[in-house]
């Protein structure tokens, strides 16, 4: 898939604008798909969820697959792998029967892939002062939800630890290698963390009507920004 997109997109070595027609088209398509999906979570029809939820992530994945001269290939491929696992997680979580554990595991591997990307050229442990506030917020939320987690307490705790590290490494990369690309990735990681926090509060805490919309909006926005860190990185650093 990525190679096919690269062949159609490549136009030689001429300078390219920051927002190319292909990137703009994929971004608009992802936005439209997300806007068709989110209302369907509330009022249906259910087929729109089954179509537009994975389609939105697939379009974001296509953005990450765009050629990005000047970007470390390991970074790009780790982001692509993370989005593929995210796509699998989307599918698990939208199925009629509860496959929360399968979805949790898929997103766990997505975050591990993102950690691999965010530590390319930036050793794990950079900017340790960033870890404390992120971990503190996550610990407070986990403590609030703990009585309701039951048998999911351990897997959810492991997941929280990994997403905290993912958010930390993204922010640390932005500090160590300041650029538009690293700022996009750090913002996207923070939105992903916020999305999961909203999802957890809505599932294991006190549900609120806007929770699903906020969860999905921050999730798609976060993934889009992480993908943009690849697509725009070489042009807007």
Protein backbone atom coordinates (compact mmCIF):
# COMPACT_ATOMS: atom_id res chain seq x y z
CA UNK A 1 0.00 0.00 0.00
CA UNK A 2 2.72 2.48 0.98
CA UNK A 3 4.77 1.68 -2.14
CA UNK A 4 1.76 2.25 -4.39
CA UNK A 5 1.10 5.65 -2.81
CA UNK A 6 4.77 6.55 -3.13
CA UNK A 7 4.84 5.75 -6.87
CA UNK A 8 1.85 7.95 -7.62
CA UNK A 9 3.11 10.78 -5.41
CA UNK A 10 6.76 10.98 -6.43
CA UNK A 11 7.46 13.90 -8.81
CA UNK A 12 11.23 14.07 -8.70
CA UNK A 13 13.53 16.23 -6.64
CA UNK A 14 11.78 19.57 -7.14
CA UNK A 15 10.84 21.49 -3.97
CA UNK A 16 7.32 20.64 -2.81
CA UNK A 17 4.84 22.81 -0.94
CA UNK A 18 4.15 22.06 2.70
CA UNK A 19 0.55 20.96 2.04
CA UNK A 20 0.59 19.08 -1.24
CA UNK A 21 -2.62 18.27 -3.15
CA UNK A 22 -2.32 14.58 -2.21
CA UNK A 23 -1.81 15.35 1.47
CA UNK A 24 -4.65 17.87 1.46
CA UNK A 25 -7.00 15.44 -0.29
CA UNK A 26 -6.23 12.63 2.17
CA UNK A 27 -6.65 14.97 5.15
CA UNK A 28 -10.00 16.30 3.93
CA UNK A 29 -11.17 12.75 3.16
CA UNK A 30 -10.17 11.63 6.68
CA UNK A 31 -12.06 14.58 8.19
CA UNK A 32 -15.20 13.83 6.18
CA UNK A 33 -14.98 10.14 7.09
CA UNK A 34 -14.61 10.98 10.78
CA UNK A 35 -17.59 13.36 10.63
CA UNK A 36 -19.68 10.61 9.06
CA UNK A 37 -18.56 8.11 11.67
CA UNK A 38 -18.90 9.98 14.97
CA UNK A 39 -22.66 10.77 14.78
CA UNK A 40 -23.32 7.14 13.83
CA UNK A 41 -21.92 6.07 17.22
CA UNK A 42 -24.97 7.75 18.77
CA UNK A 43 -27.85 7.29 16.34
CA UNK A 44 -26.67 4.77 13.76
CA UNK A 45 -26.99 3.32 11.26
CA UNK A 46 -24.44 0.84 12.50
CA UNK A 47 -23.07 0.16 9.03
CA UNK A 48 -21.67 3.68 8.97
CA UNK A 49 -19.55 2.85 12.03
CA UNK A 50 -18.29 -0.33 10.36
CA UNK A 51 -17.37 1.59 7.19
CA UNK A 52 -16.15 4.99 8.32
CA UNK A 53 -14.27 4.16 11.53
CA UNK A 54 -11.67 1.93 9.83
CA UNK A 55 -11.77 4.12 6.71
CA UNK A 56 -10.74 7.18 8.72
CA UNK A 57 -7.72 5.41 10.20
CA UNK A 58 -6.85 3.93 6.79
CA UNK A 59 -6.78 7.43 5.25
CA UNK A 60 -4.55 8.64 8.09
CA UNK A 61 -2.33 5.60 7.47
CA UNK A 62 -2.08 6.63 3.82
CA UNK A 63 -0.80 10.05 4.94
CA UNK A 64 2.00 8.37 6.90
CA UNK A 65 2.87 6.34 3.81
CA UNK A 66 3.54 9.40 1.65
CA UNK A 67 7.19 9.81 0.58
CA UNK A 68 9.13 11.88 3.10
CA UNK A 69 12.68 12.58 1.92
CA UNK A 70 14.82 13.63 4.86
CA UNK A 71 12.84 11.62 7.39
CA UNK A 72 14.61 8.67 8.99
CA UNK A 73 13.04 5.56 7.33
CA UNK A 74 12.88 3.75 10.68
CA UNK A 75 10.74 6.60 12.02
CA UNK A 76 8.31 6.43 9.13
CA UNK A 77 7.94 2.66 9.20
CA UNK A 78 7.46 2.58 12.96
CA UNK A 79 4.65 5.14 12.61
CA UNK A 80 3.10 3.07 9.80
CA UNK A 81 3.25 -0.06 11.97
CA UNK A 82 1.66 1.87 14.84
CA UNK A 83 -1.19 2.95 12.60
CA UNK A 84 -1.69 -0.60 11.33
CA UNK A 85 -2.04 -1.85 14.91
CA UNK A 86 -4.37 1.08 15.61
CA UNK A 87 -6.51 0.03 12.65
CA UNK A 88 -6.71 -3.47 14.11
CA UNK A 89 -7.68 -1.98 17.47
CA UNK A 90 -10.41 0.10 15.82
CA UNK A 91 -11.88 -3.03 14.26
CA UNK A 92 -11.81 -5.00 17.52
CA UNK A 93 -13.49 -2.22 19.49
CA UNK A 94 -16.29 -1.66 16.97
CA UNK A 95 -17.37 -5.31 16.67
CA UNK A 96 -20.76 -6.27 18.18
CA UNK A 97 -19.29 -8.52 20.88
CA UNK A 98 -17.02 -7.04 23.52
CA UNK A 99 -13.43 -7.51 22.34
CA UNK A 100 -11.96 -4.90 24.65
CA UNK A 101 -8.91 -7.00 25.58
CA UNK A 102 -8.08 -7.64 21.92
CA UNK A 103 -8.43 -3.94 21.19
CA UNK A 104 -6.32 -3.07 24.22
CA UNK A 105 -3.53 -5.39 23.07
CA UNK A 106 -3.63 -3.99 19.53
CA UNK A 107 -3.29 -0.42 20.79
CA UNK A 108 -0.59 -1.53 23.24
CA UNK A 109 1.51 -2.66 20.27
CA UNK A 110 0.65 0.57 18.46
CA UNK A 111 2.12 2.56 21.34
CA UNK A 112 5.22 0.35 21.42
CA UNK A 113 5.70 1.07 17.70
CA UNK A 114 5.32 4.80 18.38
CA UNK A 115 7.88 4.58 21.19
CA UNK A 116 10.26 2.95 18.69
CA UNK A 117 9.66 5.89 16.33
CA UNK A 118 10.03 8.61 18.94
CA UNK A 119 13.31 7.20 20.21
CA UNK A 120 14.98 7.22 16.78
CA UNK A 121 18.00 9.44 17.37
CA UNK A 122 16.75 10.38 20.85
CA UNK A 123 17.69 7.92 23.62
CA UNK A 124 14.98 6.67 25.96
CA UNK A 125 15.35 8.68 29.14
CA UNK A 126 15.75 12.06 27.48
CA UNK A 127 14.07 14.95 29.33
CA UNK A 128 13.03 12.87 32.37
CA UNK A 129 11.33 15.89 33.93
CA UNK A 130 8.52 15.52 31.36
CA UNK A 131 7.65 12.06 32.65
CA UNK A 132 6.55 13.17 36.12
CA UNK A 133 3.49 15.31 35.23
CA UNK A 134 2.33 12.85 32.57
CA UNK A 135 2.65 9.90 34.95
CA UNK A 136 0.98 11.82 37.76
CA UNK A 137 -2.11 12.63 35.68
CA UNK A 138 -2.33 9.02 34.46
CA UNK A 139 -1.93 7.70 38.03
CA UNK A 140 -4.75 9.93 39.32
CA UNK A 141 -7.11 8.71 36.59
CA UNK A 142 -6.10 5.08 37.16
CA UNK A 143 -6.71 5.47 40.89
CA UNK A 144 -10.19 6.88 40.21
CA UNK A 145 -11.09 3.94 37.99
CA UNK A 146 -9.37 1.18 39.98
CA UNK A 147 -12.44 -0.03 41.95
CA UNK A 148 -14.31 -0.66 38.68
CA UNK A 149 -11.55 -2.38 36.71
CA UNK A 150 -11.92 -5.84 38.25
CA UNK A 151 -10.02 -8.48 36.25
CA UNK A 152 -8.89 -5.78 33.81
CA UNK A 153 -6.83 -4.00 36.47
CA UNK A 154 -3.48 -5.52 35.46
CA UNK A 155 -3.82 -5.24 31.66
CA UNK A 156 -5.14 -1.70 31.95
CA UNK A 157 -2.25 -0.75 34.26
CA UNK A 158 0.28 -2.15 31.78
CA UNK A 159 -1.43 -0.24 29.00
CA UNK A 160 -1.36 3.00 31.01
CA UNK A 161 2.37 2.61 31.66
CA UNK A 162 3.08 2.13 27.96
CA UNK A 163 0.97 5.07 26.78
CA UNK A 164 2.60 7.30 29.40
CA UNK A 165 6.03 6.30 28.05
CA UNK A 166 4.80 6.93 24.50
CA UNK A 167 3.61 10.43 25.39
CA UNK A 168 6.84 11.16 27.27
CA UNK A 169 9.10 10.01 24.41
CA UNK A 170 7.15 12.11 21.90
CA UNK A 171 7.49 15.22 24.08
CA UNK A 172 11.15 14.46 24.83
CA UNK A 173 11.84 14.20 21.09
CA UNK A 174 10.25 17.62 20.56
CA UNK A 175 12.54 19.05 23.25
CA UNK A 176 15.69 17.36 21.96
CA UNK A 177 15.01 17.91 18.25
CA UNK A 178 12.77 20.97 18.02
CA UNK A 179 10.95 21.19 14.67
CA UNK A 180 7.48 21.31 13.23
CA UNK A 181 7.55 17.52 12.79
CA UNK A 182 8.43 16.74 16.40
CA UNK A 183 5.91 19.31 17.68
CA UNK A 184 3.18 17.67 15.59
CA UNK A 185 4.08 14.25 16.96
CA UNK A 186 4.17 15.46 20.57
CA UNK A 187 0.79 17.16 20.22
CA UNK A 188 -0.65 14.06 18.56
CA UNK A 189 0.66 11.83 21.35
CA UNK A 190 -0.88 14.12 23.99
CA UNK A 191 -4.23 14.00 22.19
CA UNK A 192 -4.01 10.19 22.00
CA UNK A 193 -3.43 10.10 25.77
CA UNK A 194 -6.40 12.42 26.30
CA UNK A 195 -8.54 10.23 24.05
CA UNK A 196 -7.74 7.10 26.05
CA UNK A 197 -8.35 8.92 29.33
CA UNK A 198 -11.81 9.97 28.10
CA UNK A 199 -12.53 6.44 26.89
CA UNK A 200 -11.51 4.97 30.25
CA UNK A 201 -13.57 7.46 32.24
CA UNK A 202 -16.58 6.83 30.00
CA UNK A 203 -16.24 3.04 30.21
CA UNK A 204 -15.13 2.47 33.79
CA UNK A 205 -16.20 5.68 35.50
CA UNK A 206 -19.36 7.71 35.15
CA UNK A 207 -20.42 7.76 31.47
CA UNK A 208 -21.32 11.11 29.93
CA UNK A 209 -23.05 11.64 26.60
CA UNK A 210 -20.34 13.72 24.97
CA UNK A 211 -17.65 11.23 26.02
CA UNK A 212 -17.75 9.12 22.87
CA UNK A 213 -17.55 12.14 20.56
CA UNK A 214 -14.68 13.65 22.56
CA UNK A 215 -12.87 10.31 22.65
CA UNK A 216 -13.11 9.85 18.88
CA UNK A 217 -12.35 13.47 17.99
CA UNK A 218 -9.15 13.53 20.06
CA UNK A 219 -8.19 10.06 18.83
CA UNK A 220 -8.50 10.87 15.12
CA UNK A 221 -6.86 14.28 15.58
CA UNK A 222 -3.97 12.73 17.48
CA UNK A 223 -3.39 10.03 14.89
CA UNK A 224 -3.59 12.58 12.08
CA UNK A 225 -0.95 14.79 13.71
CA UNK A 226 1.34 11.80 14.27
CA UNK A 227 0.97 10.88 10.59
CA UNK A 228 1.65 14.50 9.62
CA UNK A 229 4.91 14.34 11.54
CA UNK A 230 6.05 11.98 8.79
CA UNK A 231 4.41 13.64 5.78
CA UNK A 232 5.36 17.22 6.70
CA UNK A 233 8.55 16.53 8.60
CA UNK A 234 11.01 17.01 5.73
CA UNK A 235 9.19 20.08 4.39
CA UNK A 236 8.40 22.04 7.52
CA UNK A 237 11.26 21.33 9.92
